[in-house]
Amino acid sequence: MQVAVVTFDGFNELDSFISSALINRCRKDGLEAFITTPTPVVTSMNGVEVTGQRPMEFVTEADVVLIGSGVKAREVVADDRLLSRLPLDPSRQLIGAQCSGALVLARLGLLEGMPACTDMKSRAFVEACGVTVVDAPFHAEGNIATAGGCLASQYLATWVITRMLTEDAARAVIDYVAPVGEKQDTVERALRAVHAGAVALR
């Protein structure tokens, strides 16, 4: 089971690295995430250069595709050639977006008829695409999910691990990384966010 964490130039480190790091704690169970980039090297919004682990074409074989956000999101969605490299299929893939990554899903037509989460700076642009933005950290319908706020990337990871493995697996991962003295609260908050947001899975 493979996860493509799509990471564009100008990316937000929290979005790509938190979700991939949490998911990769499940390697022993066969679930593995890869930083997937349109060019061999991308530079973060804070100047961190990262070599992609997989090329963009990897999204076609991935079981899960997560679209990260970044300061160049509006440039990304204006680039038809770049978007053509994202032939996503929610009938066979889990697809998630973090913050301004919702713009990419909207541009691909994957958010039609469903609300989405995003960050405050991206909200107006997502709404301009005809998408209703909800004041929540996480929302999922079927195989599509969005998260709003950098640290909500833990909720996307929790959703992926729960769907691909089990809730117990997600609980174990969040428990491991949670702050000492706040482990139970952190685990329950993550699961509560996913349960509350995944309206179509009830």
N, C-alpha and C. Protein backbone atom coordinates (compact mmCIF):
# COMPACT_ATOMS: atom_id res chain seq x y z
N MET A 1 0.85 -1.19 0.00
CA MET A 1 0.00 0.00 0.00
C MET A 1 0.88 1.23 0.00
N GLN A 2 0.75 2.03 -1.04
CA GLN A 2 1.65 3.16 -1.23
C GLN A 2 0.90 4.49 -1.21
N VAL A 3 1.55 5.49 -0.60
CA VAL A 3 0.96 6.82 -0.47
C VAL A 3 1.86 7.83 -1.16
N ALA A 4 1.30 8.60 -2.09
CA ALA A 4 2.03 9.68 -2.73
C ALA A 4 1.69 10.98 -2.01
N VAL A 5 2.69 11.59 -1.39
CA VAL A 5 2.49 12.89 -0.75
C VAL A 5 2.99 13.94 -1.74
N VAL A 6 2.06 14.47 -2.51
CA VAL A 6 2.43 15.38 -3.60
C VAL A 6 2.91 16.71 -3.03
N THR A 7 4.12 17.07 -3.41
CA THR A 7 4.82 18.20 -2.80
C THR A 7 5.35 19.12 -3.91
N PHE A 8 4.74 20.29 -4.03
CA PHE A 8 5.11 21.23 -5.08
C PHE A 8 6.19 22.21 -4.58
N ASP A 9 6.79 22.91 -5.52
CA ASP A 9 7.73 23.96 -5.17
C ASP A 9 7.00 25.02 -4.33
N GLY A 10 7.66 25.51 -3.29
CA GLY A 10 7.03 26.46 -2.38
C GLY A 10 6.19 25.79 -1.31
N PHE A 11 6.40 24.49 -1.12
CA PHE A 11 5.56 23.71 -0.21
C PHE A 11 5.73 24.09 1.26
N ASN A 12 4.70 23.78 2.02
CA ASN A 12 4.71 23.96 3.47
C ASN A 12 5.26 22.67 4.09
N GLU A 13 6.37 22.79 4.79
CA GLU A 13 7.02 21.60 5.36
C GLU A 13 6.10 20.81 6.28
N LEU A 14 5.30 21.50 7.07
CA LEU A 14 4.43 20.80 8.02
C LEU A 14 3.46 19.88 7.31
N ASP A 15 2.93 20.32 6.19
CA ASP A 15 1.95 19.52 5.47
C ASP A 15 2.54 18.22 4.95
N SER A 16 3.66 18.33 4.25
CA SER A 16 4.24 17.14 3.64
C SER A 16 4.93 16.22 4.64
N PHE A 17 5.67 16.81 5.56
CA PHE A 17 6.50 15.99 6.44
C PHE A 17 5.72 15.34 7.57
N ILE A 18 4.74 16.03 8.14
CA ILE A 18 3.98 15.42 9.23
C ILE A 18 3.20 14.21 8.74
N SER A 19 2.47 14.39 7.65
CA SER A 19 1.66 13.26 7.16
C SER A 19 2.54 12.10 6.72
N SER A 20 3.63 12.38 6.00
CA SER A 20 4.47 11.27 5.55
C SER A 20 5.17 10.59 6.72
N ALA A 21 5.61 11.36 7.69
CA ALA A 21 6.30 10.76 8.84
C ALA A 21 5.37 9.87 9.66
N LEU A 22 4.14 10.33 9.86
CA LEU A 22 3.19 9.52 10.63
C LEU A 22 2.82 8.25 9.87
N ILE A 23 2.53 8.38 8.59
CA ILE A 23 2.16 7.20 7.80
C ILE A 23 3.31 6.20 7.74
N ASN A 24 4.54 6.69 7.66
CA ASN A 24 5.68 5.79 7.54
C ASN A 24 5.98 5.03 8.83
N ARG A 25 5.31 5.36 9.90
CA ARG A 25 5.43 4.54 11.11
C ARG A 25 4.65 3.23 10.95
N CYS A 26 3.97 3.09 9.81
CA CYS A 26 3.20 1.87 9.52
C CYS A 26 3.88 1.02 8.46
N ARG A 27 5.15 1.28 8.19
CA ARG A 27 5.84 0.50 7.15
C ARG A 27 5.79 -0.99 7.43
N LYS A 28 5.93 -1.35 8.70
CA LYS A 28 5.94 -2.78 9.05
C LYS A 28 4.61 -3.45 8.72
N ASP A 29 3.56 -2.63 8.58
CA ASP A 29 2.24 -3.16 8.23
C ASP A 29 1.95 -3.03 6.73
N GLY A 30 2.97 -2.59 5.98
CA GLY A 30 2.82 -2.53 4.53
C GLY A 30 2.30 -1.21 3.98
N LEU A 31 2.23 -0.18 4.83
CA LEU A 31 1.77 1.13 4.37
C LEU A 31 2.95 2.09 4.38
N GLU A 32 3.25 2.69 3.22
CA GLU A 32 4.45 3.52 3.12
C GLU A 32 4.16 4.77 2.29
N ALA A 33 4.68 5.91 2.76
CA ALA A 33 4.47 7.18 2.08
C ALA A 33 5.77 7.65 1.42
N PHE A 34 5.61 8.34 0.29
CA PHE A 34 6.75 8.86 -0.46
C PHE A 34 6.50 10.32 -0.85
N ILE A 35 7.48 11.17 -0.62
CA ILE A 35 7.40 12.55 -1.08
C ILE A 35 7.47 12.51 -2.61
N THR A 36 6.42 12.99 -3.24
CA THR A 36 6.25 12.88 -4.69
C THR A 36 6.26 14.27 -5.30
N THR A 37 7.18 14.51 -6.23
CA THR A 37 7.42 15.87 -6.70
C THR A 37 7.38 15.98 -8.23
N PRO A 38 7.01 17.15 -8.75
CA PRO A 38 6.96 17.34 -10.20
C PRO A 38 8.33 17.54 -10.83
N THR A 39 9.31 17.92 -10.02
CA THR A 39 10.69 18.07 -10.47
C THR A 39 11.58 17.32 -9.49
N PRO A 40 12.80 16.96 -9.89
CA PRO A 40 13.65 16.18 -8.99
C PRO A 40 13.86 16.83 -7.62
N VAL A 41 13.97 18.14 -7.59
CA VAL A 41 14.18 18.87 -6.33
C VAL A 41 13.14 19.98 -6.23
N VAL A 42 12.53 20.13 -5.05
CA VAL A 42 11.62 21.25 -4.80
C VAL A 42 12.12 22.00 -3.58
N THR A 43 11.76 23.29 -3.52
CA THR A 43 12.20 24.14 -2.42
C THR A 43 10.99 24.60 -1.63
N SER A 44 11.05 24.46 -0.32
CA SER A 44 9.93 24.81 0.53
C SER A 44 9.75 26.31 0.64
N MET A 45 8.65 26.72 1.24
CA MET A 45 8.38 28.14 1.44
C MET A 45 9.42 28.81 2.34
N ASN A 46 10.18 28.00 3.06
CA ASN A 46 11.23 28.53 3.94
C ASN A 46 12.63 28.23 3.43
N GLY A 47 12.72 27.83 2.16
CA GLY A 47 14.02 27.64 1.55
C GLY A 47 14.67 26.28 1.75
N VAL A 48 13.92 25.29 2.24
CA VAL A 48 14.47 23.95 2.43
C VAL A 48 14.37 23.18 1.11
N GLU A 49 15.49 22.72 0.59
CA GLU A 49 15.49 21.95 -0.64
C GLU A 49 15.32 20.47 -0.33
N VAL A 50 14.41 19.84 -1.06
CA VAL A 50 14.11 18.43 -0.83
C VAL A 50 14.14 17.67 -2.15
N THR A 51 14.80 16.54 -2.15
CA THR A 51 14.81 15.67 -3.31
C THR A 51 13.61 14.75 -3.24
N GLY A 52 12.80 14.75 -4.27
CA GLY A 52 11.63 13.89 -4.28
C GLY A 52 12.00 12.42 -4.24
N GLN A 53 11.17 11.63 -3.56
CA GLN A 53 11.40 10.18 -3.50
C GLN A 53 10.77 9.47 -4.69
N ARG A 54 9.75 10.09 -5.25
CA ARG A 54 9.06 9.53 -6.41
C ARG A 54 8.70 10.68 -7.36
N PRO A 55 8.68 10.42 -8.67
CA PRO A 55 8.26 11.45 -9.63
C PRO A 55 6.73 11.57 -9.62
N MET A 56 6.22 12.62 -10.22
CA MET A 56 4.79 12.86 -10.22
C MET A 56 3.99 11.70 -10.80
N GLU A 57 4.56 11.00 -11.76
CA GLU A 57 3.86 9.89 -12.41
C GLU A 57 3.50 8.77 -11.43
N PHE A 58 4.13 8.78 -10.27
CA PHE A 58 3.85 7.77 -9.24
C PHE A 58 2.40 7.84 -8.76
N VAL A 59 1.75 9.00 -8.93
CA VAL A 59 0.37 9.12 -8.43
C VAL A 59 -0.57 8.12 -9.08
N THR A 60 -0.25 7.67 -10.29
CA THR A 60 -1.15 6.75 -10.98
C THR A 60 -1.14 5.36 -10.35
N GLU A 61 -0.06 5.00 -9.68
CA GLU A 61 0.01 3.67 -9.07
C GLU A 61 -0.21 3.70 -7.56
N ALA A 62 -0.23 4.88 -6.97
CA ALA A 62 -0.40 4.99 -5.53
C ALA A 62 -1.83 4.63 -5.12
N ASP A 63 -1.95 4.04 -3.95
CA ASP A 63 -3.27 3.72 -3.39
C ASP A 63 -3.89 4.94 -2.72
N VAL A 64 -3.03 5.84 -2.26
CA VAL A 64 -3.46 7.07 -1.59
C VAL A 64 -2.66 8.23 -2.18
N VAL A 65 -3.33 9.35 -2.42
CA VAL A 65 -2.65 10.56 -2.89
C VAL A 65 -3.04 11.71 -1.97
N LEU A 66 -2.04 12.34 -1.35
CA LEU A 66 -2.26 13.50 -0.50
C LEU A 66 -1.61 14.70 -1.15
N ILE A 67 -2.39 15.77 -1.33
CA ILE A 67 -1.89 16.99 -1.96
C ILE A 67 -1.56 18.01 -0.87
N GLY A 68 -0.30 18.35 -0.75
CA GLY A 68 0.12 19.33 0.24
C GLY A 68 -0.13 20.75 -0.24
N SER A 69 0.04 21.70 0.66
CA SER A 69 -0.17 23.10 0.29
C SER A 69 1.15 23.82 0.17
N GLY A 70 1.08 25.11 -0.19
CA GLY A 70 2.28 25.90 -0.30
C GLY A 70 1.98 27.27 -0.83
N VAL A 71 2.99 28.10 -0.87
CA VAL A 71 2.80 29.50 -1.26
C VAL A 71 2.60 29.67 -2.76
N LYS A 72 2.81 28.61 -3.53
CA LYS A 72 2.64 28.70 -4.99
C LYS A 72 1.41 27.93 -5.47
N ALA A 73 0.46 27.69 -4.57
CA ALA A 73 -0.71 26.89 -4.94
C ALA A 73 -1.49 27.49 -6.10
N ARG A 74 -1.62 28.82 -6.12
CA ARG A 74 -2.38 29.45 -7.19
C ARG A 74 -1.65 29.32 -8.53
N GLU A 75 -0.32 29.28 -8.48
CA GLU A 75 0.44 29.04 -9.71
C GLU A 75 0.25 27.61 -10.17
N VAL A 76 0.19 26.69 -9.23
CA VAL A 76 -0.01 25.28 -9.56
C VAL A 76 -1.34 25.09 -10.29
N VAL A 77 -2.41 25.64 -9.73
CA VAL A 77 -3.73 25.40 -10.32
C VAL A 77 -3.91 26.16 -11.63
N ALA A 78 -3.04 27.11 -11.92
CA ALA A 78 -3.12 27.83 -13.19
C ALA A 78 -2.30 27.13 -14.28
N ASP A 79 -1.60 26.07 -13.91
CA ASP A 79 -0.73 25.36 -14.84
C ASP A 79 -1.41 24.08 -15.32
N ASP A 80 -2.07 24.16 -16.47
CA ASP A 80 -2.81 23.01 -16.99
C ASP A 80 -1.89 21.82 -17.26
N ARG A 81 -0.70 22.10 -17.70
CA ARG A 81 0.24 21.01 -17.99
C ARG A 81 0.60 20.26 -16.71
N LEU A 82 0.82 21.00 -15.64
CA LEU A 82 1.15 20.37 -14.36
C LEU A 82 -0.03 19.56 -13.83
N LEU A 83 -1.22 20.14 -13.91
CA LEU A 83 -2.41 19.44 -13.41
C LEU A 83 -2.70 18.18 -14.21
N SER A 84 -2.32 18.18 -15.48
CA SER A 84 -2.56 16.98 -16.31
C SER A 84 -1.74 15.79 -15.83
N ARG A 85 -0.75 16.06 -14.98
CA ARG A 85 0.07 14.99 -14.44
C ARG A 85 -0.54 14.40 -13.17
N LEU A 86 -1.77 14.82 -12.85
CA LEU A 86 -2.47 14.33 -11.66
C LEU A 86 -3.80 13.66 -12.05
N PRO A 87 -3.73 12.54 -12.76
CA PRO A 87 -4.96 11.83 -13.15
C PRO A 87 -5.49 11.00 -11.98
N LEU A 88 -6.11 11.67 -11.02
CA LEU A 88 -6.55 11.00 -9.79
C LEU A 88 -7.88 10.29 -10.01
N ASP A 89 -8.07 9.20 -9.29
CA ASP A 89 -9.27 8.38 -9.45
C ASP A 89 -9.84 7.99 -8.09
N PRO A 90 -10.84 8.73 -7.58
CA PRO A 90 -11.39 8.43 -6.25
C PRO A 90 -12.16 7.11 -6.18
N SER A 91 -12.39 6.48 -7.31
CA SER A 91 -13.05 5.17 -7.27
C SER A 91 -12.09 4.08 -6.80
N ARG A 92 -10.81 4.34 -6.93
CA ARG A 92 -9.83 3.32 -6.49
C ARG A 92 -8.73 3.88 -5.59
N GLN A 93 -8.74 5.19 -5.36
CA GLN A 93 -7.72 5.81 -4.52
C GLN A 93 -8.36 6.63 -3.40
N LEU A 94 -7.68 6.67 -2.26
CA LEU A 94 -8.01 7.67 -1.26
C LEU A 94 -7.29 8.94 -1.67
N ILE A 95 -8.00 10.06 -1.64
CA ILE A 95 -7.42 11.33 -2.08
C ILE A 95 -7.65 12.37 -1.00
N GLY A 96 -6.58 13.01 -0.55
CA GLY A 96 -6.69 14.02 0.49
C GLY A 96 -5.94 15.27 0.11
N ALA A 97 -6.37 16.40 0.68
CA ALA A 97 -5.69 17.66 0.42
C ALA A 97 -5.55 18.43 1.72
N GLN A 98 -4.42 19.10 1.84
CA GLN A 98 -4.12 19.90 3.02
C GLN A 98 -4.15 21.38 2.66
N CYS A 99 -4.92 22.17 3.39
CA CYS A 99 -4.98 23.63 3.22
C CYS A 99 -5.18 24.03 1.76
N SER A 100 -4.22 24.75 1.15
CA SER A 100 -4.43 25.21 -0.22
C SER A 100 -4.40 24.07 -1.23
N GLY A 101 -4.07 22.87 -0.79
CA GLY A 101 -4.19 21.70 -1.66
C GLY A 101 -5.63 21.49 -2.11
N ALA A 102 -6.59 22.04 -1.33
CA ALA A 102 -8.00 21.95 -1.73
C ALA A 102 -8.24 22.66 -3.05
N LEU A 103 -7.43 23.69 -3.35
CA LEU A 103 -7.54 24.36 -4.64
C LEU A 103 -7.26 23.40 -5.79
N VAL A 104 -6.29 22.53 -5.59
CA VAL A 104 -5.95 21.55 -6.62
C VAL A 104 -7.11 20.59 -6.84
N LEU A 105 -7.68 20.09 -5.75
CA LEU A 105 -8.81 19.17 -5.89
C LEU A 105 -10.00 19.86 -6.55
N ALA A 106 -10.22 21.13 -6.19
CA ALA A 106 -11.33 21.87 -6.81
C ALA A 106 -11.09 22.03 -8.30
N ARG A 107 -9.86 22.38 -8.66
CA ARG A 107 -9.52 22.59 -10.07
C ARG A 107 -9.65 21.29 -10.86
N LEU A 108 -9.43 20.15 -10.22
CA LEU A 108 -9.56 18.86 -10.87
C LEU A 108 -11.00 18.36 -10.89
N GLY A 109 -11.91 19.14 -10.28
CA GLY A 109 -13.31 18.76 -10.27
C GLY A 109 -13.68 17.70 -9.26
N LEU A 110 -12.82 17.50 -8.27
CA LEU A 110 -13.04 16.43 -7.30
C LEU A 110 -13.86 16.87 -6.08
N LEU A 111 -14.14 18.16 -5.97
CA LEU A 111 -14.89 18.65 -4.81
C LEU A 111 -16.31 19.07 -5.18
N GLU A 112 -16.75 18.74 -6.35
CA GLU A 112 -18.09 19.12 -6.78
C GLU A 112 -19.14 18.45 -5.89
N GLY A 113 -20.02 19.29 -5.32
CA GLY A 113 -21.10 18.76 -4.49
C GLY A 113 -20.71 18.43 -3.07
N MET A 114 -19.49 18.75 -2.67
CA MET A 114 -19.10 18.48 -1.29
C MET A 114 -18.36 19.68 -0.72
N PRO A 115 -18.51 19.92 0.59
CA PRO A 115 -17.76 21.00 1.23
C PRO A 115 -16.32 20.59 1.46
N ALA A 116 -15.50 21.56 1.82
CA ALA A 116 -14.09 21.28 2.02
C ALA A 116 -13.53 22.11 3.16
N CYS A 117 -12.39 21.67 3.67
CA CYS A 117 -11.64 22.42 4.68
C CYS A 117 -10.41 23.01 4.01
N THR A 118 -10.00 24.16 4.48
CA THR A 118 -8.77 24.78 3.99
C THR A 118 -8.28 25.77 5.04
N ASP A 119 -7.18 26.43 4.76
CA ASP A 119 -6.68 27.42 5.71
C ASP A 119 -7.33 28.77 5.45
N MET A 120 -7.17 29.69 6.38
CA MET A 120 -7.85 30.98 6.28
C MET A 120 -7.40 31.79 5.07
N LYS A 121 -6.11 31.73 4.72
CA LYS A 121 -5.63 32.50 3.58
C LYS A 121 -6.15 31.96 2.26
N SER A 122 -6.39 30.65 2.20
CA SER A 122 -6.83 30.03 0.95
C SER A 122 -8.36 30.02 0.81
N ARG A 123 -9.06 30.33 1.88
CA ARG A 123 -10.51 30.17 1.89
C ARG A 123 -11.20 30.89 0.73
N ALA A 124 -10.87 32.17 0.53
CA ALA A 124 -11.54 32.94 -0.51
C ALA A 124 -11.31 32.34 -1.89
N PHE A 125 -10.12 31.82 -2.12
CA PHE A 125 -9.80 31.25 -3.43
C PHE A 125 -10.53 29.92 -3.65
N VAL A 126 -10.67 29.14 -2.60
CA VAL A 126 -11.41 27.88 -2.70
C VAL A 126 -12.89 28.18 -2.93
N GLU A 127 -13.43 29.14 -2.20
CA GLU A 127 -14.83 29.52 -2.37
C GLU A 127 -15.09 30.07 -3.77
N ALA A 128 -14.10 30.75 -4.33
CA ALA A 128 -14.24 31.28 -5.69
C ALA A 128 -14.36 30.17 -6.73
N CYS A 129 -13.96 28.97 -6.35
CA CYS A 129 -14.09 27.81 -7.23
C CYS A 129 -15.47 27.17 -7.11
N GLY A 130 -16.34 27.78 -6.28
CA GLY A 130 -17.69 27.25 -6.10
C GLY A 130 -17.79 26.19 -5.02
N VAL A 131 -16.76 26.10 -4.17
CA VAL A 131 -16.73 25.10 -3.10
C VAL A 131 -17.11 25.76 -1.78
N THR A 132 -17.99 25.12 -1.03
CA THR A 132 -18.34 25.61 0.30
C THR A 132 -17.26 25.21 1.29
N VAL A 133 -16.70 26.18 1.98
CA VAL A 133 -15.66 25.89 2.97
C VAL A 133 -16.29 25.82 4.36
N VAL A 134 -15.99 24.75 5.09
CA VAL A 134 -16.55 24.57 6.43
C VAL A 134 -15.51 24.94 7.48
N ASP A 135 -15.98 25.46 8.60
CA ASP A 135 -15.09 25.83 9.70
C ASP A 135 -14.80 24.59 10.55
N ALA A 136 -13.99 23.73 10.01
CA ALA A 136 -13.64 22.47 10.67
C ALA A 136 -12.23 22.09 10.24
N PRO A 137 -11.54 21.28 11.05
CA PRO A 137 -10.18 20.89 10.69
C PRO A 137 -10.10 19.76 9.67
N PHE A 138 -11.21 19.01 9.53
CA PHE A 138 -11.18 17.82 8.67
C PHE A 138 -12.58 17.50 8.17
N HIS A 139 -12.65 17.13 6.89
CA HIS A 139 -13.93 16.68 6.33
C HIS A 139 -13.64 15.64 5.27
N ALA A 140 -14.42 14.57 5.27
CA ALA A 140 -14.26 13.51 4.26
C ALA A 140 -15.61 13.02 3.81
N GLU A 141 -15.69 12.75 2.52
CA GLU A 141 -16.87 12.09 1.96
C GLU A 141 -16.36 11.00 1.04
N GLY A 142 -16.72 9.77 1.38
CA GLY A 142 -16.21 8.65 0.60
C GLY A 142 -14.70 8.60 0.64
N ASN A 143 -14.08 8.63 -0.53
CA ASN A 143 -12.63 8.51 -0.62
C ASN A 143 -11.90 9.83 -0.75
N ILE A 144 -12.59 10.94 -0.51
CA ILE A 144 -11.97 12.25 -0.63
C ILE A 144 -12.03 12.98 0.70
N ALA A 145 -10.89 13.56 1.10
CA ALA A 145 -10.82 14.27 2.37
C ALA A 145 -10.03 15.56 2.22
N THR A 146 -10.38 16.55 3.03
CA THR A 146 -9.61 17.79 3.09
C THR A 146 -9.37 18.14 4.55
N ALA A 147 -8.26 18.85 4.78
CA ALA A 147 -7.93 19.28 6.13
C ALA A 147 -7.51 20.74 6.09
N GLY A 148 -7.84 21.48 7.15
CA GLY A 148 -7.52 22.90 7.19
C GLY A 148 -6.68 23.25 8.40
N GLY A 149 -5.57 23.94 8.18
CA GLY A 149 -4.64 24.28 9.25
C GLY A 149 -3.47 23.32 9.22
N CYS A 150 -2.26 23.85 9.27
CA CYS A 150 -1.06 23.02 9.10
C CYS A 150 -1.05 21.77 9.98
N LEU A 151 -1.37 21.94 11.27
CA LEU A 151 -1.30 20.80 12.19
C LEU A 151 -2.45 19.82 12.00
N ALA A 152 -3.42 20.17 11.15
CA ALA A 152 -4.49 19.22 10.82
C ALA A 152 -3.97 18.11 9.91
N SER A 153 -2.72 18.22 9.48
CA SER A 153 -2.13 17.14 8.69
C SER A 153 -2.12 15.83 9.46
N GLN A 154 -2.09 15.91 10.79
CA GLN A 154 -2.16 14.69 11.60
C GLN A 154 -3.51 14.00 11.41
N TYR A 155 -4.55 14.79 11.11
CA TYR A 155 -5.88 14.20 10.90
C TYR A 155 -5.95 13.49 9.55
N LEU A 156 -5.31 14.07 8.54
CA LEU A 156 -5.25 13.37 7.25
C LEU A 156 -4.52 12.04 7.41
N ALA A 157 -3.41 12.06 8.14
CA ALA A 157 -2.66 10.83 8.36
C ALA A 157 -3.48 9.82 9.15
N THR A 158 -4.20 10.28 10.16
CA THR A 158 -5.06 9.40 10.96
C THR A 158 -6.12 8.77 10.08
N TRP A 159 -6.72 9.56 9.19
CA TRP A 159 -7.74 9.06 8.26
C TRP A 159 -7.16 7.99 7.34
N VAL A 160 -5.99 8.28 6.77
CA VAL A 160 -5.36 7.33 5.85
C VAL A 160 -5.05 6.02 6.56
N ILE A 161 -4.44 6.10 7.73
CA ILE A 161 -4.06 4.87 8.45
C ILE A 161 -5.30 4.09 8.86
N THR A 162 -6.33 4.79 9.30
CA THR A 162 -7.57 4.11 9.69
C THR A 162 -8.21 3.40 8.51
N ARG A 163 -8.27 4.09 7.37
CA ARG A 163 -8.90 3.51 6.18
C ARG A 163 -8.08 2.38 5.58
N MET A 164 -6.76 2.54 5.55
CA MET A 164 -5.92 1.54 4.90
C MET A 164 -5.58 0.37 5.82
N LEU A 165 -5.52 0.65 7.13
CA LEU A 165 -5.21 -0.40 8.09
C LEU A 165 -6.37 -0.52 9.07
N THR A 166 -6.19 -0.01 10.27
CA THR A 166 -7.25 -0.06 11.28
C THR A 166 -7.19 1.18 12.16
N GLU A 167 -8.25 1.41 12.91
CA GLU A 167 -8.23 2.51 13.86
C GLU A 167 -7.20 2.26 14.95
N ASP A 168 -7.02 1.02 15.33
CA ASP A 168 -6.01 0.71 16.35
C ASP A 168 -4.62 1.08 15.87
N ALA A 169 -4.35 0.88 14.59
CA ALA A 169 -3.04 1.24 14.03
C ALA A 169 -2.85 2.76 14.10
N ALA A 170 -3.90 3.51 13.75
CA ALA A 170 -3.82 4.97 13.83
C ALA A 170 -3.64 5.43 15.27
N ARG A 171 -4.36 4.79 16.16
CA ARG A 171 -4.26 5.13 17.58
C ARG A 171 -2.82 4.93 18.09
N ALA A 172 -2.20 3.85 17.68
CA ALA A 172 -0.83 3.54 18.12
C ALA A 172 0.16 4.58 17.60
N VAL A 173 -0.01 4.99 16.34
CA VAL A 173 0.91 5.98 15.76
C VAL A 173 0.78 7.33 16.46
N ILE A 174 -0.44 7.80 16.63
CA ILE A 174 -0.64 9.10 17.28
C ILE A 174 -0.18 9.05 18.73
N ASP A 175 -0.43 7.95 19.40
CA ASP A 175 0.01 7.81 20.79
C ASP A 175 1.53 7.92 20.89
N TYR A 176 2.25 7.33 19.93
CA TYR A 176 3.71 7.34 19.96
C TYR A 176 4.26 8.76 19.83
N VAL A 177 3.67 9.55 18.94
CA VAL A 177 4.24 10.89 18.67
C VAL A 177 3.65 11.98 19.55
N ALA A 178 2.60 11.68 20.27
CA ALA A 178 1.93 12.70 21.09
C ALA A 178 2.83 13.17 22.23
N PRO A 179 2.66 14.42 22.66
CA PRO A 179 3.45 14.94 23.78
C PRO A 179 3.24 14.11 25.04
N VAL A 180 4.30 13.91 25.78
CA VAL A 180 4.21 13.17 27.04
C VAL A 180 3.26 13.92 27.98
N GLY A 181 2.40 13.18 28.62
CA GLY A 181 1.42 13.77 29.51
C GLY A 181 0.15 14.19 28.81
N GLU A 182 0.14 14.13 27.45
CA GLU A 182 -1.03 14.52 26.69
C GLU A 182 -1.41 13.44 25.67
N LYS A 183 -0.88 12.25 25.87
CA LYS A 183 -1.06 11.21 24.87
C LYS A 183 -2.54 10.83 24.66
N GLN A 184 -3.24 10.55 25.72
CA GLN A 184 -4.64 10.14 25.57
C GLN A 184 -5.48 11.25 24.94
N ASP A 185 -5.27 12.47 25.40
CA ASP A 185 -6.02 13.60 24.85
C ASP A 185 -5.73 13.79 23.37
N THR A 186 -4.46 13.64 22.98
CA THR A 186 -4.07 13.83 21.58
C THR A 186 -4.67 12.75 20.69
N VAL A 187 -4.61 11.52 21.15
CA VAL A 187 -5.18 10.41 20.38
C VAL A 187 -6.68 10.59 20.21
N GLU A 188 -7.36 10.89 21.30
CA GLU A 188 -8.81 11.03 21.23
C GLU A 188 -9.22 12.22 20.37
N ARG A 189 -8.45 13.30 20.42
CA ARG A 189 -8.76 14.47 19.59
C ARG A 189 -8.62 14.14 18.11
N ALA A 190 -7.57 13.41 17.76
CA ALA A 190 -7.36 13.04 16.36
C ALA A 190 -8.49 12.14 15.85
N LEU A 191 -8.83 11.15 16.64
CA LEU A 191 -9.89 10.23 16.22
C LEU A 191 -11.25 10.92 16.20
N ARG A 192 -11.46 11.80 17.14
CA ARG A 192 -12.72 12.54 17.17
C ARG A 192 -12.87 13.43 15.93
N ALA A 193 -11.79 14.08 15.54
CA ALA A 193 -11.82 14.93 14.35
C ALA A 193 -12.14 14.12 13.11
N VAL A 194 -11.53 12.95 12.99
CA VAL A 194 -11.76 12.11 11.82
C VAL A 194 -13.18 11.54 11.82
N HIS A 195 -13.62 11.08 12.97
CA HIS A 195 -14.98 10.54 13.06
C HIS A 195 -16.04 11.62 12.75
N ALA A 196 -15.84 12.81 13.31
CA ALA A 196 -16.80 13.89 13.10
C ALA A 196 -16.80 14.36 11.66
N GLY A 197 -15.63 14.35 11.03
CA GLY A 197 -15.53 14.86 9.67
C GLY A 197 -15.90 13.87 8.59
N ALA A 198 -15.77 12.58 8.87
CA ALA A 198 -16.03 11.56 7.87
C ALA A 198 -17.51 11.21 7.82
N VAL A 199 -18.31 12.16 7.40
CA VAL A 199 -19.76 11.99 7.46
C VAL A 199 -20.28 10.87 6.59
N ALA A 200 -19.60 10.62 5.47
CA ALA A 200 -20.12 9.62 4.54
C ALA A 200 -19.72 8.21 4.91
N LEU A 201 -18.94 8.07 5.98
CA LEU A 201 -18.47 6.73 6.35
C LEU A 201 -19.29 6.14 7.50
N ARG A 202 -20.30 6.87 7.95
CA ARG A 202 -21.08 6.37 9.08
C ARG A 202 -22.09 5.34 8.61
